[in-house]
Protein backbone atom coordinates (compact mmCIF):
# COMPACT_ATOMS: atom_id res chain seq x y z
CA MET A 1 0.00 0.00 0.00
CA ARG A 2 1.38 3.37 -1.01
CA LEU A 3 0.41 6.33 1.12
CA SER A 4 0.30 9.83 -0.30
CA PRO A 5 0.37 13.09 1.62
CA PRO A 6 -3.13 14.54 2.03
CA THR A 7 -3.98 17.68 0.11
CA GLY A 8 -4.51 20.97 1.89
CA LYS A 9 -8.28 20.63 1.44
CA THR A 10 -8.15 17.46 3.54
CA PHE A 11 -5.30 18.21 5.92
CA TRP A 12 -6.42 21.51 7.42
CA PRO A 13 -10.07 20.56 8.19
CA ALA A 14 -8.83 17.30 9.71
CA VAL A 15 -6.30 19.11 11.90
CA GLY A 16 -8.97 21.64 12.86
CA ALA A 17 -11.41 18.91 13.88
CA LEU A 18 -8.69 17.11 15.85
CA ALA A 19 -7.61 20.28 17.63
CA LEU A 20 -11.17 21.35 18.43
CA GLY A 21 -12.08 17.90 19.73
CA ILE A 22 -9.03 17.77 21.99
CA LEU A 23 -9.63 21.35 23.14
CA LEU A 24 -13.27 20.60 24.03
CA TRP A 25 -12.13 17.53 25.93
CA ILE A 26 -9.47 19.37 27.95
CA VAL A 27 -11.00 22.80 28.57
CA PRO A 28 -14.21 22.83 30.59
CA THR A 29 -16.95 24.86 28.94
CA GLY A 30 -20.04 26.39 30.49
CA ALA A 31 -22.24 24.98 27.73
CA ASP A 32 -24.16 21.76 28.21
CA LEU A 33 -22.27 19.64 25.69
CA SER A 34 -22.66 15.93 25.47
CA PRO A 35 -19.44 14.16 26.47
CA ASP A 36 -19.64 12.32 23.15
CA ILE A 37 -19.11 15.46 21.02
CA PRO A 38 -15.34 15.84 21.66
CA PHE A 39 -14.83 12.12 21.05
CA TRP A 40 -16.70 12.06 17.73
CA LEU A 41 -15.13 15.31 16.57
CA THR A 42 -11.65 13.95 17.26
CA ALA A 43 -12.52 10.61 15.65
CA ALA A 44 -13.87 12.36 12.54
CA GLY A 45 -10.68 14.39 12.21
CA GLY A 46 -8.54 11.29 12.50
CA ILE A 47 -10.63 9.38 9.99
CA LEU A 48 -10.52 12.28 7.54
CA LEU A 49 -6.74 12.50 7.89
CA THR A 50 -6.40 8.76 7.36
CA LEU A 51 -8.64 8.80 4.28
CA GLY A 52 -6.66 11.70 2.87
CA SER A 53 -3.45 9.70 3.25
CA VAL A 54 -4.77 6.41 1.89
CA PHE A 55 -6.70 7.68 -1.12
CA ASN A 56 -5.05 9.81 -3.75
CA LYS A 57 -6.44 13.28 -4.54
CA ILE A 58 -8.98 13.57 -1.74
């Protein structure tokens, strides 16, 4: 399997989702957020980054 670097269209949204998910997990907010939101946001960022590396031109 050959991996390619993700394009900027895939990399930056994935990094943003990862960073926001980790930030929501670490920093307590006053909003009533479900504890699942940071997990799924971080998971979506990781999956997007993985898909961008596995598939060419995503």
